[in-house]
Amino acid sequence: LVGLQMLRDAGATSAIVVSSPNHIRRAVADFIVAGTRVVGATTSLDQIISQLPPPPKAAQRGIYLDATRTFLLPASR
């Protein structure tokens, strides 16, 4: 995350991520995996209703794998 390095350079220890409901879980997961405290906020109330239920296990795994690849971390099985 380029933004993460910018936060660290500025001395920030946490972040607020604003994104669409479709992307907020993945964006927040990336910051969490990087060890940054984060709060996620969505941009559209219209789309949030479809995103309220937790994602299925397969989608959760995909989010985790994307985060580990982003930070070049080994994935656990």
PDB file of N, CA and C in Angstrom:
ATOM      1  N   LEU A   1       0.838  -1.195   0.000  1.00  0.00           N
ATOM      2  CA  LEU A   1       0.000   0.000   0.000  1.00  0.00           C
ATOM      3  C   LEU A   1       0.871   1.243   0.000  1.00  0.00           C
ATOM      4  N   VAL A   2       0.803   1.986  -1.032  1.00  0.00           N
ATOM      5  CA  VAL A   2       1.538   3.239  -1.104  1.00  0.00           C
ATOM      6  C   VAL A   2       1.038   4.181  -0.018  1.00  0.00           C
ATOM      7  N   GLY A   3      -0.273   4.224   0.181  1.00  0.00           N
ATOM      8  CA  GLY A   3      -0.858   5.089   1.197  1.00  0.00           C
ATOM      9  C   GLY A   3      -0.353   4.762   2.588  1.00  0.00           C
ATOM     10  N   LEU A   4      -0.086   3.493   2.857  1.00  0.00           N
ATOM     11  CA  LEU A   4       0.411   3.091   4.169  1.00  0.00           C
ATOM     12  C   LEU A   4       1.776   3.707   4.438  1.00  0.00           C
ATOM     13  N   GLN A   5       2.654   3.691   3.452  1.00  0.00           N
ATOM     14  CA  GLN A   5       3.971   4.305   3.633  1.00  0.00           C
ATOM     15  C   GLN A   5       3.831   5.808   3.850  1.00  0.00           C
ATOM     16  N   MET A   6       2.908   6.430   3.166  1.00  0.00           N
ATOM     17  CA  MET A   6       2.674   7.866   3.355  1.00  0.00           C
ATOM     18  C   MET A   6       2.200   8.150   4.779  1.00  0.00           C
ATOM     19  N   LEU A   7       1.319   7.280   5.298  1.00  0.00           N
ATOM     20  CA  LEU A   7       0.854   7.439   6.680  1.00  0.00           C
ATOM     21  C   LEU A   7       2.013   7.336   7.660  1.00  0.00           C
ATOM     22  N   ARG A   8       2.835   6.328   7.465  1.00  0.00           N
ATOM     23  CA  ARG A   8       3.973   6.127   8.361  1.00  0.00           C
ATOM     24  C   ARG A   8       4.960   7.292   8.280  1.00  0.00           C
ATOM     25  N   ASP A   9       5.215   7.768   7.065  1.00  0.00           N
ATOM     26  CA  ASP A   9       6.116   8.909   6.891  1.00  0.00           C
ATOM     27  C   ASP A   9       5.589  10.155   7.601  1.00  0.00           C
ATOM     28  N   ALA A  10       4.263  10.285   7.650  1.00  0.00           N
ATOM     29  CA  ALA A  10       3.647  11.439   8.314  1.00  0.00           C
ATOM     30  C   ALA A  10       3.508  11.241   9.820  1.00  0.00           C
ATOM     31  N   GLY A  11       3.874  10.057  10.311  1.00  0.00           N
ATOM     32  CA  GLY A  11       3.784   9.779  11.740  1.00  0.00           C
ATOM     33  C   GLY A  11       2.415   9.300  12.202  1.00  0.00           C
ATOM     34  N   ALA A  12       1.534   8.989  11.254  1.00  0.00           N
ATOM     35  CA  ALA A  12       0.190   8.512  11.615  1.00  0.00           C
ATOM     36  C   ALA A  12       0.261   7.067  12.093  1.00  0.00           C
ATOM     37  N   THR A  13      -0.591   6.739  13.039  1.00  0.00           N
ATOM     38  CA  THR A  13      -0.637   5.371  13.563  1.00  0.00           C
ATOM     39  C   THR A  13      -1.968   4.685  13.270  1.00  0.00           C
ATOM     40  N   SER A  14      -2.861   5.377  12.588  1.00  0.00           N
ATOM     41  CA  SER A  14      -4.155   4.798  12.242  1.00  0.00           C
ATOM     42  C   SER A  14      -4.648   5.449  10.957  1.00  0.00           C
ATOM     43  N   ALA A  15      -5.743   4.891  10.416  1.00  0.00           N
ATOM     44  CA  ALA A  15      -6.270   5.403   9.149  1.00  0.00           C
ATOM     45  C   ALA A  15      -7.783   5.303   9.127  1.00  0.00           C
ATOM     46  N   ILE A  16      -8.378   6.161   8.337  1.00  0.00           N
ATOM     47  CA  ILE A  16      -9.795   6.056   7.998  1.00  0.00           C
ATOM     48  C   ILE A  16      -9.832   5.806   6.499  1.00  0.00           C
ATOM     49  N   VAL A  17     -10.418   4.689   6.097  1.00  0.00           N
ATOM     50  CA  VAL A  17     -10.503   4.327   4.691  1.00  0.00           C
ATOM     51  C   VAL A  17     -11.935   4.569   4.230  1.00  0.00           C
ATOM     52  N   VAL A  18     -12.090   5.357   3.177  1.00  0.00           N
ATOM     53  CA  VAL A  18     -13.407   5.619   2.605  1.00  0.00           C
ATOM     54  C   VAL A  18     -13.428   5.005   1.216  1.00  0.00           C
ATOM     55  N   SER A  19     -14.400   4.111   1.008  1.00  0.00           N
ATOM     56  CA  SER A  19     -14.502   3.431  -0.278  1.00  0.00           C
ATOM     57  C   SER A  19     -15.945   3.006  -0.488  1.00  0.00           C
ATOM     58  N   SER A  20     -16.216   2.444  -1.642  1.00  0.00           N
ATOM     59  CA  SER A  20     -17.559   1.933  -1.906  1.00  0.00           C
ATOM     60  C   SER A  20     -17.785   0.681  -1.063  1.00  0.00           C
ATOM     61  N   PRO A  21     -19.040   0.340  -0.811  1.00  0.00           N
ATOM     62  CA  PRO A  21     -19.321  -0.862  -0.035  1.00  0.00           C
ATOM     63  C   PRO A  21     -18.711  -2.119  -0.667  1.00  0.00           C
ATOM     64  N   ASN A  22     -18.579  -2.142  -1.981  1.00  0.00           N
ATOM     65  CA  ASN A  22     -18.004  -3.310  -2.661  1.00  0.00           C
ATOM     66  C   ASN A  22     -16.533  -3.509  -2.326  1.00  0.00           C
ATOM     67  N   HIS A  23     -15.821  -2.447  -1.965  1.00  0.00           N
ATOM     68  CA  HIS A  23     -14.384  -2.537  -1.761  1.00  0.00           C
ATOM     69  C   HIS A  23     -13.927  -2.308  -0.319  1.00  0.00           C
ATOM     70  N   ILE A  24     -14.814  -1.890   0.542  1.00  0.00           N
ATOM     71  CA  ILE A  24     -14.390  -1.473   1.882  1.00  0.00           C
ATOM     72  C   ILE A  24     -13.793  -2.632   2.692  1.00  0.00           C
ATOM     73  N   ARG A  25     -14.379  -3.812   2.612  1.00  0.00           N
ATOM     74  CA  ARG A  25     -13.843  -4.940   3.394  1.00  0.00           C
ATOM     75  C   ARG A  25     -12.410  -5.253   2.999  1.00  0.00           C
ATOM     76  N   ARG A  26     -12.161  -5.307   1.711  1.00  0.00           N
ATOM     77  CA  ARG A  26     -10.816  -5.628   1.236  1.00  0.00           C
ATOM     78  C   ARG A  26      -9.828  -4.526   1.620  1.00  0.00           C
ATOM     79  N   ALA A  27     -10.226  -3.280   1.470  1.00  0.00           N
ATOM     80  CA  ALA A  27      -9.337  -2.166   1.811  1.00  0.00           C
ATOM     81  C   ALA A  27      -8.998  -2.178   3.302  1.00  0.00           C
ATOM     82  N   VAL A  28      -9.998  -2.377   4.135  1.00  0.00           N
ATOM     83  CA  VAL A  28      -9.763  -2.428   5.580  1.00  0.00           C
ATOM     84  C   VAL A  28      -8.885  -3.628   5.934  1.00  0.00           C
ATOM     85  N   ALA A  29      -9.146  -4.766   5.317  1.00  0.00           N
ATOM     86  CA  ALA A  29      -8.334  -5.962   5.586  1.00  0.00           C
ATOM     87  C   ALA A  29      -6.870  -5.718   5.249  1.00  0.00           C
ATOM     88  N   ASP A  30      -6.600  -5.020   4.152  1.00  0.00           N
ATOM     89  CA  ASP A  30      -5.213  -4.725   3.784  1.00  0.00           C
ATOM     90  C   ASP A  30      -4.508  -3.917   4.868  1.00  0.00           C
ATOM     91  N   PHE A  31      -5.187  -2.909   5.398  1.00  0.00           N
ATOM     92  CA  PHE A  31      -4.574  -2.095   6.459  1.00  0.00           C
ATOM     93  C   PHE A  31      -4.390  -2.901   7.743  1.00  0.00           C
ATOM     94  N   ILE A  32      -5.353  -3.750   8.073  1.00  0.00           N
ATOM     95  CA  ILE A  32      -5.238  -4.579   9.281  1.00  0.00           C
ATOM     96  C   ILE A  32      -4.052  -5.537   9.150  1.00  0.00           C
ATOM     97  N   VAL A  33      -3.932  -6.188   8.003  1.00  0.00           N
ATOM     98  CA  VAL A  33      -2.819  -7.110   7.782  1.00  0.00           C
ATOM     99  C   VAL A  33      -1.483  -6.372   7.885  1.00  0.00           C
ATOM    100  N   ALA A  34      -1.475  -5.115   7.471  1.00  0.00           N
ATOM    101  CA  ALA A  34      -0.246  -4.313   7.551  1.00  0.00           C
ATOM    102  C   ALA A  34       0.033  -3.826   8.963  1.00  0.00           C
ATOM    103  N   GLY A  35      -0.884  -4.091   9.900  1.00  0.00           N
ATOM    104  CA  GLY A  35      -0.657  -3.707  11.283  1.00  0.00           C
ATOM    105  C   GLY A  35      -1.072  -2.286  11.620  1.00  0.00           C
ATOM    106  N   THR A  36      -1.966  -1.712  10.829  1.00  0.00           N
ATOM    107  CA  THR A  36      -2.429  -0.348  11.072  1.00  0.00           C
ATOM    108  C   THR A  36      -3.858  -0.371  11.591  1.00  0.00           C
ATOM    109  N   ARG A  37      -4.110   0.388  12.653  1.00  0.00           N
ATOM    110  CA  ARG A  37      -5.488   0.528  13.126  1.00  0.00           C
ATOM    111  C   ARG A  37      -6.267   1.286  12.060  1.00  0.00           C
ATOM    112  N   VAL A  38      -7.467   0.823  11.761  1.00  0.00           N
ATOM    113  CA  VAL A  38      -8.221   1.401  10.647  1.00  0.00           C
ATOM    114  C   VAL A  38      -9.707   1.398  10.942  1.00  0.00           C
ATOM    115  N   VAL A  39     -10.381   2.406  10.431  1.00  0.00           N
ATOM    116  CA  VAL A  39     -11.842   2.478  10.450  1.00  0.00           C
ATOM    117  C   VAL A  39     -12.273   2.601   9.004  1.00  0.00           C
ATOM    118  N   GLY A  40     -13.251   1.798   8.611  1.00  0.00           N
ATOM    119  CA  GLY A  40     -13.757   1.850   7.250  1.00  0.00           C
ATOM    120  C   GLY A  40     -15.059   2.625   7.185  1.00  0.00           C
ATOM    121  N   ALA A  41     -15.210   3.429   6.162  1.00  0.00           N
ATOM    122  CA  ALA A  41     -16.442   4.185   5.934  1.00  0.00           C
ATOM    123  C   ALA A  41     -16.835   4.029   4.474  1.00  0.00           C
ATOM    124  N   THR A  42     -18.124   3.876   4.239  1.00  0.00           N
ATOM    125  CA  THR A  42     -18.578   3.689   2.860  1.00  0.00           C
ATOM    126  C   THR A  42     -19.072   4.998   2.258  1.00  0.00           C
ATOM    127  N   THR A  43     -19.090   5.030   0.957  1.00  0.00           N
ATOM    128  CA  THR A  43     -19.442   6.243   0.230  1.00  0.00           C
ATOM    129  C   THR A  43     -20.898   6.299  -0.204  1.00  0.00           C
ATOM    130  N   SER A  44     -21.599   5.192  -0.176  1.00  0.00           N
ATOM    131  CA  SER A  44     -22.956   5.173  -0.708  1.00  0.00           C
ATOM    132  C   SER A  44     -23.889   4.373   0.183  1.00  0.00           C
ATOM    133  N   LEU A  45     -24.857   5.016   0.757  1.00  0.00           N
ATOM    134  CA  LEU A  45     -25.827   4.328   1.595  1.00  0.00           C
ATOM    135  C   LEU A  45     -26.703   3.395   0.770  1.00  0.00           C
ATOM    136  N   ASP A  46     -26.928   3.725  -0.494  1.00  0.00           N
ATOM    137  CA  ASP A  46     -27.762   2.884  -1.365  1.00  0.00           C
ATOM    138  C   ASP A  46     -27.184   1.482  -1.529  1.00  0.00           C
ATOM    139  N   GLN A  47     -25.853   1.378  -1.628  1.00  0.00           N
ATOM    140  CA  GLN A  47     -25.222   0.082  -1.855  1.00  0.00           C
ATOM    141  C   GLN A  47     -24.967  -0.691  -0.566  1.00  0.00           C
ATOM    142  N   ILE A  48     -24.971  -0.035   0.563  1.00  0.00           N
ATOM    143  CA  ILE A  48     -24.548  -0.691   1.806  1.00  0.00           C
ATOM    144  C   ILE A  48     -25.484  -1.826   2.219  1.00  0.00           C
ATOM    145  N   ILE A  49     -26.759  -1.734   1.921  1.00  0.00           N
ATOM    146  CA  ILE A  49     -27.721  -2.760   2.335  1.00  0.00           C
ATOM    147  C   ILE A  49     -27.293  -4.131   1.822  1.00  0.00           C
ATOM    148  N   SER A  50     -26.832  -4.219   0.592  1.00  0.00           N
ATOM    149  CA  SER A  50     -26.429  -5.518   0.039  1.00  0.00           C
ATOM    150  C   SER A  50     -25.113  -6.013   0.627  1.00  0.00           C
ATOM    151  N   GLN A  51     -24.363  -5.146   1.296  1.00  0.00           N
ATOM    152  CA  GLN A  51     -23.056  -5.516   1.825  1.00  0.00           C
ATOM    153  C   GLN A  51     -23.067  -5.788   3.328  1.00  0.00           C
ATOM    154  N   LEU A  52     -24.207  -5.664   3.984  1.00  0.00           N
ATOM    155  CA  LEU A  52     -24.270  -5.836   5.436  1.00  0.00           C
ATOM    156  C   LEU A  52     -23.974  -7.251   5.910  1.00  0.00           C
ATOM    157  N   PRO A  53     -24.540  -8.281   5.283  1.00  0.00           N
ATOM    158  CA  PRO A  53     -24.230  -9.627   5.783  1.00  0.00           C
ATOM    159  C   PRO A  53     -22.740  -9.939   5.606  1.00  0.00           C
ATOM    160  N   PRO A  54     -22.164 -10.719   6.529  1.00  0.00           N
ATOM    161  CA  PRO A  54     -20.757 -11.108   6.350  1.00  0.00           C
ATOM    162  C   PRO A  54     -20.589 -11.869   5.041  1.00  0.00           C
ATOM    163  N   PRO A  55     -19.464 -11.707   4.388  1.00  0.00           N
ATOM    164  CA  PRO A  55     -19.258 -12.444   3.143  1.00  0.00           C
ATOM    165  C   PRO A  55     -19.133 -13.935   3.423  1.00  0.00           C
ATOM    166  N   PRO A  56     -19.472 -14.784   2.454  1.00  0.00           N
ATOM    167  CA  PRO A  56     -19.315 -16.220   2.644  1.00  0.00           C
ATOM    168  C   PRO A  56     -17.842 -16.573   2.893  1.00  0.00           C
ATOM    169  N   LYS A  57     -17.602 -17.752   3.446  1.00  0.00           N
ATOM    170  CA  LYS A  57     -16.235 -18.188   3.787  1.00  0.00           C
ATOM    171  C   LYS A  57     -15.284 -18.100   2.595  1.00  0.00           C
ATOM    172  N   ALA A  58     -15.743 -18.473   1.405  1.00  0.00           N
ATOM    173  CA  ALA A  58     -14.877 -18.414   0.227  1.00  0.00           C
ATOM    174  C   ALA A  58     -14.443 -16.978  -0.051  1.00  0.00           C
ATOM    175  N   ALA A  59     -15.355 -16.026   0.097  1.00  0.00           N
ATOM    176  CA  ALA A  59     -15.020 -14.621  -0.127  1.00  0.00           C
ATOM    177  C   ALA A  59     -14.077 -14.111   0.964  1.00  0.00           C
ATOM    178  N   GLN A  60     -14.293 -14.557   2.213  1.00  0.00           N
ATOM    179  CA  GLN A  60     -13.391 -14.168   3.299  1.00  0.00           C
ATOM    180  C   GLN A  60     -11.975 -14.653   3.010  1.00  0.00           C
ATOM    181  N   ARG A  61     -11.870 -15.863   2.516  1.00  0.00           N
ATOM    182  CA  ARG A  61     -10.545 -16.408   2.177  1.00  0.00           C
ATOM    183  C   ARG A  61      -9.902 -15.594   1.056  1.00  0.00           C
ATOM    184  N   GLY A  62     -10.694 -15.213   0.065  1.00  0.00           N
ATOM    185  CA  GLY A  62     -10.177 -14.395  -1.022  1.00  0.00           C
ATOM    186  C   GLY A  62      -9.660 -13.048  -0.537  1.00  0.00           C
ATOM    187  N   ILE A  63     -10.393 -12.436   0.376  1.00  0.00           N
ATOM    188  CA  ILE A  63      -9.963 -11.150   0.952  1.00  0.00           C
ATOM    189  C   ILE A  63      -8.650 -11.341   1.697  1.00  0.00           C
ATOM    190  N   TYR A  64      -8.553 -12.403   2.486  1.00  0.00           N
ATOM    191  CA  TYR A  64      -7.324 -12.680   3.235  1.00  0.00           C
ATOM    192  C   TYR A  64      -6.146 -12.928   2.294  1.00  0.00           C
ATOM    193  N   LEU A  65      -6.369 -13.738   1.260  1.00  0.00           N
ATOM    194  CA  LEU A  65      -5.285 -14.036   0.322  1.00  0.00           C
ATOM    195  C   LEU A  65      -4.824 -12.780  -0.411  1.00  0.00           C
ATOM    196  N   ASP A  66      -5.764 -11.922  -0.804  1.00  0.00           N
ATOM    197  CA  ASP A  66      -5.378 -10.669  -1.455  1.00  0.00           C
ATOM    198  C   ASP A  66      -4.518  -9.815  -0.526  1.00  0.00           C
ATOM    199  N   ALA A  67      -4.886  -9.761   0.735  1.00  0.00           N
ATOM    200  CA  ALA A  67      -4.117  -8.963   1.695  1.00  0.00           C
ATOM    201  C   ALA A  67      -2.722  -9.544   1.897  1.00  0.00           C
ATOM    202  N   THR A  68      -2.626 -10.863   2.002  1.00  0.00           N
ATOM    203  CA  THR A  68      -1.298 -11.461   2.212  1.00  0.00           C
ATOM    204  C   THR A  68      -0.424 -11.281   0.976  1.00  0.00           C
ATOM    205  N   ARG A  69      -1.014 -11.338  -0.203  1.00  0.00           N
ATOM    206  CA  ARG A  69      -0.227 -11.114  -1.431  1.00  0.00           C
ATOM    207  C   ARG A  69       0.235  -9.663  -1.526  1.00  0.00           C
ATOM    208  N   THR A  70      -0.637  -8.739  -1.115  1.00  0.00           N
ATOM    209  CA  THR A  70      -0.288  -7.324  -1.160  1.00  0.00           C
ATOM    210  C   THR A  70       0.960  -7.042  -0.341  1.00  0.00           C
ATOM    211  N   PHE A  71       1.076  -7.708   0.809  1.00  0.00           N
ATOM    212  CA  PHE A  71       2.195  -7.453   1.715  1.00  0.00           C
ATOM    213  C   PHE A  71       3.251  -8.545   1.691  1.00  0.00           C
ATOM    214  N   LEU A  72       3.158  -9.437   0.671  1.00  0.00           N
ATOM    215  CA  LEU A  72       4.136 -10.508   0.487  1.00  0.00           C
ATOM    216  C   LEU A  72       4.298 -11.352   1.741  1.00  0.00           C
ATOM    217  N   LEU A  73       3.182 -11.647   2.395  1.00  0.00           N
ATOM    218  CA  LEU A  73       3.193 -12.494   3.591  1.00  0.00           C
ATOM    219  C   LEU A  73       2.842 -13.922   3.196  1.00  0.00           C
ATOM    220  N   PRO A  74       3.398 -14.895   3.903  1.00  0.00           N
ATOM    221  CA  PRO A  74       3.024 -16.280   3.581  1.00  0.00           C
ATOM    222  C   PRO A  74       1.571 -16.533   3.978  1.00  0.00           C
ATOM    223  N   ALA A  75       0.840 -17.205   3.132  1.00  0.00           N
ATOM    224  CA  ALA A  75      -0.540 -17.556   3.435  1.00  0.00           C
ATOM    225  C   ALA A  75      -0.595 -18.832   4.239  1.00  0.00           C
ATOM    226  N   SER A  76      -1.444 -18.882   5.235  1.00  0.00           N
ATOM    227  CA  SER A  76      -1.604 -20.117   6.019  1.00  0.00           C
ATOM    228  C   SER A  76      -2.719 -20.942   5.405  1.00  0.00           C
ATOM    229  N   ARG A  77      -2.698 -22.203   5.693  1.00  0.00           N
ATOM    230  CA  ARG A  77      -3.741 -23.101   5.158  1.00  0.00           C
ATOM    231  C   ARG A  77      -4.733 -23.409   6.226  1.00  0.00           C
TER     232      ARG A  77
END
